[in-house]
Amino acid sequence: MIQAAHAHPWLYRGVSFASIILAWLGLSVWLGPKLMPGPLETWAFLGRELERGVLLYQVGITLQRVLLAFLLSMAAGLLLGFWSGRSARAEQLLEGWVALGLAIPRILPIVVAYVLLGLNELAAVLSVFLIVLPTVVVQVREGVRTLEPRLFQMSRVFRKGRLEVAYFVAWPQMAPFVWGTARATLSLCWKMIVFAELLGRTSGVGYQIAFYFQMFEMRGILAYGLAITVALVALDALLAFGARQAGRWRGREALA
């Protein structure tokens, strides 16, 4: 069965995406086009927004915020996660902050940032960064704990430098965790950025969704949700490709 899945990967992916379209069509027929516009109506609305020059501008602003929060979260999370994974004292120092970050309601940092900093870009990106960071730290820390200590001992026996050990020993083992963490982080960042835009920004996909919600226009809500989803699916596909490449050394069984 595993061999059949590898022999026809695009067939199964096609069936997966086709089932989404069929479910969407079924809901449109059941609820009616007013409550649930179908794919054709939504794509037509997207086309009009594209012609007006609004769609690319709003999606572009959201993508900028998402990528900024993503890069900040990954950079800080990799450093803190590696530090806490290699040092028990560092883990103890960070334990309270990580536990707080994981437990606190995700809406709270956004609201607090808007109150303290104002309804601006800094508040939106900083709040999402604080929301996402603990998750990155935990995932990277767990990846560091899986590093094989005997490989490092062997490196010391052969008197390899730190850069060689980091690149040839640590990174191949960590890469699948890093790429997997990056995919989860990107997904969480864009969801929280859209939410932050809906609460307190005057631009971006979240703002457009709030605008069309006030007008009770489901086509607009679905259209902008679909636009940013397609954009982020494309970015996620790139990260998924990187994850597969990083895990090739583990063999086919690790990728199945």
Protein backbone atom coordinates (compact mmCIF):
# COMPACT_ATOMS: atom_id res chain seq x y z
CA MET A 1 0.00 0.00 0.00
CA ILE A 2 2.88 2.35 0.79
CA GLN A 3 4.39 1.62 -2.64
CA ALA A 4 1.06 2.45 -4.31
CA ALA A 5 0.94 5.79 -2.47
CA HIS A 6 4.44 6.64 -3.67
CA ALA A 7 3.60 5.54 -7.21
CA HIS A 8 0.60 7.86 -7.54
CA PRO A 9 1.22 10.81 -5.20
CA TRP A 10 -0.54 13.38 -7.36
CA LEU A 11 -3.63 11.19 -7.70
CA TYR A 12 -4.18 11.13 -3.95
CA ARG A 13 -3.43 14.84 -3.62
CA GLY A 14 -5.88 15.55 -6.43
CA VAL A 15 -8.59 13.54 -4.69
CA SER A 16 -7.91 15.44 -1.46
CA PHE A 17 -8.32 18.88 -3.07
CA ALA A 18 -11.27 17.73 -5.17
CA SER A 19 -13.08 16.63 -2.01
CA ILE A 20 -12.71 20.18 -0.64
CA ILE A 21 -14.30 21.67 -3.77
CA LEU A 22 -17.13 19.12 -3.64
CA ALA A 23 -17.79 19.88 0.03
CA TRP A 24 -17.85 23.61 -0.79
CA LEU A 25 -20.32 23.02 -3.63
CA GLY A 26 -22.48 20.85 -1.40
CA LEU A 27 -22.67 23.55 1.27
CA SER A 28 -23.53 26.15 -1.37
CA VAL A 29 -26.41 24.02 -2.65
CA TRP A 30 -27.61 23.22 0.86
CA LEU A 31 -27.40 26.73 2.37
CA GLY A 32 -27.99 28.72 -0.80
CA PRO A 33 -25.62 31.09 -2.65
CA LYS A 34 -26.54 34.03 -0.41
CA LEU A 35 -25.26 32.36 2.75
CA MET A 36 -22.59 30.23 1.09
CA PRO A 37 -21.45 31.41 -2.36
CA GLY A 38 -19.98 28.67 -4.49
CA PRO A 39 -16.45 28.53 -5.94
CA LEU A 40 -17.44 30.26 -9.21
CA GLU A 41 -19.11 33.19 -7.45
CA THR A 42 -16.15 33.57 -5.10
CA TRP A 43 -13.59 33.47 -7.94
CA ALA A 44 -15.65 36.05 -9.86
CA PHE A 45 -15.57 38.34 -6.83
CA LEU A 46 -11.81 37.81 -6.54
CA GLY A 47 -11.41 38.77 -10.18
CA ARG A 48 -13.28 42.04 -9.65
CA GLU A 49 -11.17 42.88 -6.61
CA LEU A 50 -8.04 42.15 -8.65
CA GLU A 51 -9.21 44.46 -11.43
CA ARG A 52 -9.87 47.22 -8.89
CA GLY A 53 -6.26 46.90 -7.66
CA VAL A 54 -7.38 46.18 -4.10
CA LEU A 55 -6.68 42.46 -3.79
CA LEU A 56 -2.92 42.39 -4.36
CA TYR A 57 -2.39 45.44 -2.16
CA GLN A 58 -4.28 44.00 0.81
CA VAL A 59 -2.83 40.50 0.47
CA GLY A 60 0.67 41.97 0.09
CA ILE A 61 0.35 43.95 3.33
CA THR A 62 -0.77 40.85 5.21
CA LEU A 63 2.07 38.77 3.76
CA GLN A 64 4.61 41.39 4.87
CA ARG A 65 3.32 41.22 8.43
CA VAL A 66 3.19 37.43 8.39
CA LEU A 67 6.75 37.06 7.10
CA LEU A 68 8.12 39.60 9.58
CA ALA A 69 6.47 37.87 12.55
CA PHE A 70 7.56 34.49 11.17
CA LEU A 71 11.22 35.44 10.74
CA LEU A 72 11.42 37.08 14.18
CA SER A 73 9.76 34.08 15.84
CA MET A 74 12.00 31.54 14.11
CA ALA A 75 15.21 33.47 14.80
CA ALA A 76 14.50 33.99 18.50
CA GLY A 77 12.91 30.55 18.90
CA LEU A 78 15.90 28.75 17.39
CA LEU A 79 18.32 30.53 19.71
CA LEU A 80 16.28 30.07 22.87
CA GLY A 81 15.21 26.53 21.97
CA PHE A 82 18.77 25.39 21.29
CA TRP A 83 20.00 27.08 24.47
CA SER A 84 17.33 25.47 26.67
CA GLY A 85 17.78 22.10 24.95
CA ARG A 86 21.51 22.03 25.71
CA SER A 87 21.39 23.59 29.17
CA ALA A 88 19.24 22.47 32.09
CA ARG A 89 19.78 25.83 33.78
CA ALA A 90 18.55 27.69 30.71
CA GLU A 91 15.46 25.47 30.56
CA GLN A 92 14.72 26.27 34.20
CA LEU A 93 15.17 30.00 33.59
CA LEU A 94 12.80 29.95 30.62
CA GLU A 95 10.28 27.49 32.07
CA GLY A 96 7.98 30.09 33.61
CA TRP A 97 7.90 32.31 30.52
CA VAL A 98 7.30 29.38 28.16
CA ALA A 99 4.52 27.98 30.35
CA LEU A 100 2.90 31.43 30.53
CA GLY A 101 3.16 31.92 26.78
CA LEU A 102 1.59 28.54 26.04
CA ALA A 103 -1.24 28.95 28.54
CA ILE A 104 -2.29 32.56 28.03
CA PRO A 105 -5.29 33.19 25.72
CA ARG A 106 -3.95 34.21 22.32
CA ILE A 107 -6.24 37.22 22.06
CA LEU A 108 -4.74 38.78 25.20
CA PRO A 109 -1.30 39.81 23.83
CA ILE A 110 -2.97 41.42 20.80
CA VAL A 111 -5.38 43.47 22.90
CA VAL A 112 -2.71 44.46 25.42
CA ALA A 113 -0.28 45.48 22.66
CA TYR A 114 -2.93 47.65 20.99
CA VAL A 115 -3.75 49.34 24.31
CA LEU A 116 -0.11 49.98 25.23
CA LEU A 117 1.39 50.74 21.80
CA GLY A 118 -1.60 51.92 19.80
CA LEU A 119 -3.28 50.53 16.70
CA ASN A 120 -0.11 50.32 14.62
CA GLU A 121 2.19 47.88 12.82
CA LEU A 122 4.52 47.42 15.79
CA ALA A 123 1.71 46.30 18.06
CA ALA A 124 0.32 43.83 15.52
CA VAL A 125 3.64 42.17 14.66
CA LEU A 126 5.03 42.23 18.21
CA SER A 127 1.92 40.64 19.71
CA VAL A 128 1.95 37.80 17.16
CA PHE A 129 5.67 37.31 17.74
CA LEU A 130 5.03 36.89 21.48
CA ILE A 131 2.15 34.49 20.82
CA VAL A 132 4.15 32.23 18.50
CA LEU A 133 7.57 32.29 20.19
CA PRO A 134 6.87 29.82 23.05
CA THR A 135 5.68 27.17 20.61
CA VAL A 136 8.86 27.51 18.55
CA VAL A 137 11.04 27.30 21.66
CA VAL A 138 9.37 24.09 22.83
CA GLN A 139 9.56 22.36 19.45
CA VAL A 140 13.20 23.29 18.86
CA ARG A 141 14.12 22.28 22.41
CA GLU A 142 12.60 18.84 21.89
CA GLY A 143 14.50 18.52 18.62
CA VAL A 144 17.79 19.35 20.36
CA ARG A 145 17.14 16.63 22.91
CA THR A 146 17.03 14.02 20.16
CA LEU A 147 20.60 14.75 19.03
CA GLU A 148 22.76 11.63 19.20
CA PRO A 149 25.50 12.30 21.83
CA ARG A 150 27.76 9.56 20.49
CA LEU A 151 28.18 11.47 17.23
CA PHE A 152 29.47 14.47 19.16
CA GLN A 153 31.82 12.25 21.12
CA MET A 154 33.12 10.82 17.86
CA SER A 155 33.65 14.34 16.54
CA ARG A 156 35.77 15.21 19.56
CA VAL A 157 37.84 12.05 19.08
CA PHE A 158 38.60 13.10 15.49
CA ARG A 159 39.25 16.69 16.68
CA LYS A 160 36.66 18.34 14.46
CA GLY A 161 36.05 22.06 14.86
CA ARG A 162 32.81 23.56 16.14
CA LEU A 163 31.70 24.76 12.73
CA GLU A 164 32.27 21.32 11.22
CA VAL A 165 30.37 19.66 14.06
CA ALA A 166 27.51 22.14 13.77
CA TYR A 167 27.19 21.73 9.98
CA PHE A 168 27.90 18.02 9.52
CA VAL A 169 26.64 16.55 12.80
CA ALA A 170 24.07 18.80 14.49
CA TRP A 171 22.34 20.35 11.49
CA PRO A 172 21.43 17.12 9.61
CA GLN A 173 19.76 15.82 12.76
CA MET A 174 18.03 19.10 13.56
CA ALA A 175 16.95 20.07 10.05
CA PRO A 176 13.72 18.00 9.94
CA PHE A 177 12.63 19.51 13.27
CA VAL A 178 13.51 23.03 12.11
CA TRP A 179 11.61 22.70 8.84
CA GLY A 180 8.63 21.13 10.59
CA THR A 181 8.65 23.90 13.17
CA ALA A 182 8.85 26.48 10.39
CA ARG A 183 5.70 25.09 8.75
CA ALA A 184 3.75 25.14 12.01
CA THR A 185 5.05 28.63 12.81
CA LEU A 186 4.06 30.03 9.42
CA SER A 187 0.56 28.59 9.79
CA LEU A 188 0.09 30.08 13.25
CA CYS A 189 1.59 33.45 12.26
CA TRP A 190 -0.76 34.08 9.37
CA LYS A 191 -3.83 33.08 11.37
CA MET A 192 -2.91 35.40 14.23
CA ILE A 193 -1.91 38.27 11.92
CA VAL A 194 -5.29 38.12 10.18
CA PHE A 195 -6.95 38.10 13.59
CA ALA A 196 -4.87 41.09 14.71
CA GLU A 197 -5.82 42.95 11.51
CA LEU A 198 -9.48 42.20 12.12
CA LEU A 199 -9.25 43.65 15.64
CA GLY A 200 -7.26 46.80 15.08
CA ARG A 201 -5.77 47.54 11.66
CA THR A 202 -7.11 49.53 8.72
CA SER A 203 -5.47 47.42 6.03
CA GLY A 204 -4.80 43.80 5.23
CA VAL A 205 -6.90 40.71 4.70
CA GLY A 206 -8.25 40.75 8.25
CA TYR A 207 -9.50 44.29 7.81
CA GLN A 208 -11.18 43.36 4.51
CA ILE A 209 -12.89 40.38 6.14
CA ALA A 210 -14.18 42.63 8.95
CA PHE A 211 -15.38 45.18 6.36
CA TYR A 212 -17.35 42.64 4.37
CA PHE A 213 -18.68 41.08 7.58
CA GLN A 214 -20.23 44.42 8.47
CA MET A 215 -21.81 44.51 5.01
CA PHE A 216 -23.00 40.86 5.34
CA GLU A 217 -21.20 40.05 2.07
CA MET A 218 -20.13 36.42 2.21
CA ARG A 219 -18.45 36.59 -1.19
CA GLY A 220 -15.99 39.15 0.12
CA ILE A 221 -15.31 37.18 3.31
CA LEU A 222 -14.67 33.96 1.40
CA ALA A 223 -12.74 35.68 -1.38
CA TYR A 224 -10.16 37.31 0.87
CA GLY A 225 -9.94 34.21 3.05
CA LEU A 226 -9.29 32.16 -0.07
CA ALA A 227 -6.71 34.61 -1.43
CA ILE A 228 -4.49 34.59 1.64
CA THR A 229 -4.95 30.82 2.03
CA VAL A 230 -3.71 30.18 -1.51
CA ALA A 231 -0.71 32.46 -0.94
CA LEU A 232 0.24 30.72 2.30
CA VAL A 233 -0.32 27.25 0.84
CA ALA A 234 2.28 28.12 -1.79
CA LEU A 235 4.76 29.20 0.89
CA ASP A 236 4.00 26.09 2.92
CA ALA A 237 4.69 23.94 -0.14
CA LEU A 238 8.18 25.45 -0.33
CA LEU A 239 8.78 24.67 3.35
CA ALA A 240 7.44 21.13 2.86
CA PHE A 241 9.88 20.63 -0.01
CA GLY A 242 12.71 21.82 2.23
CA ALA A 243 11.58 19.40 4.95
CA ARG A 244 11.63 16.48 2.52
CA GLN A 245 15.09 17.42 1.28
CA ALA A 246 16.36 17.77 4.84
CA GLY A 247 15.05 14.32 5.77
CA ARG A 248 16.38 12.44 2.74
CA TRP A 249 19.38 11.13 4.64
CA ARG A 250 17.03 9.25 7.00
CA GLY A 251 15.73 7.10 4.13
CA ARG A 252 12.37 6.60 2.47
CA GLU A 253 10.80 5.13 5.63
CA ALA A 254 11.25 8.41 7.48
CA LEU A 255 9.34 10.30 4.81
CA ALA A 256 6.45 7.87 4.49
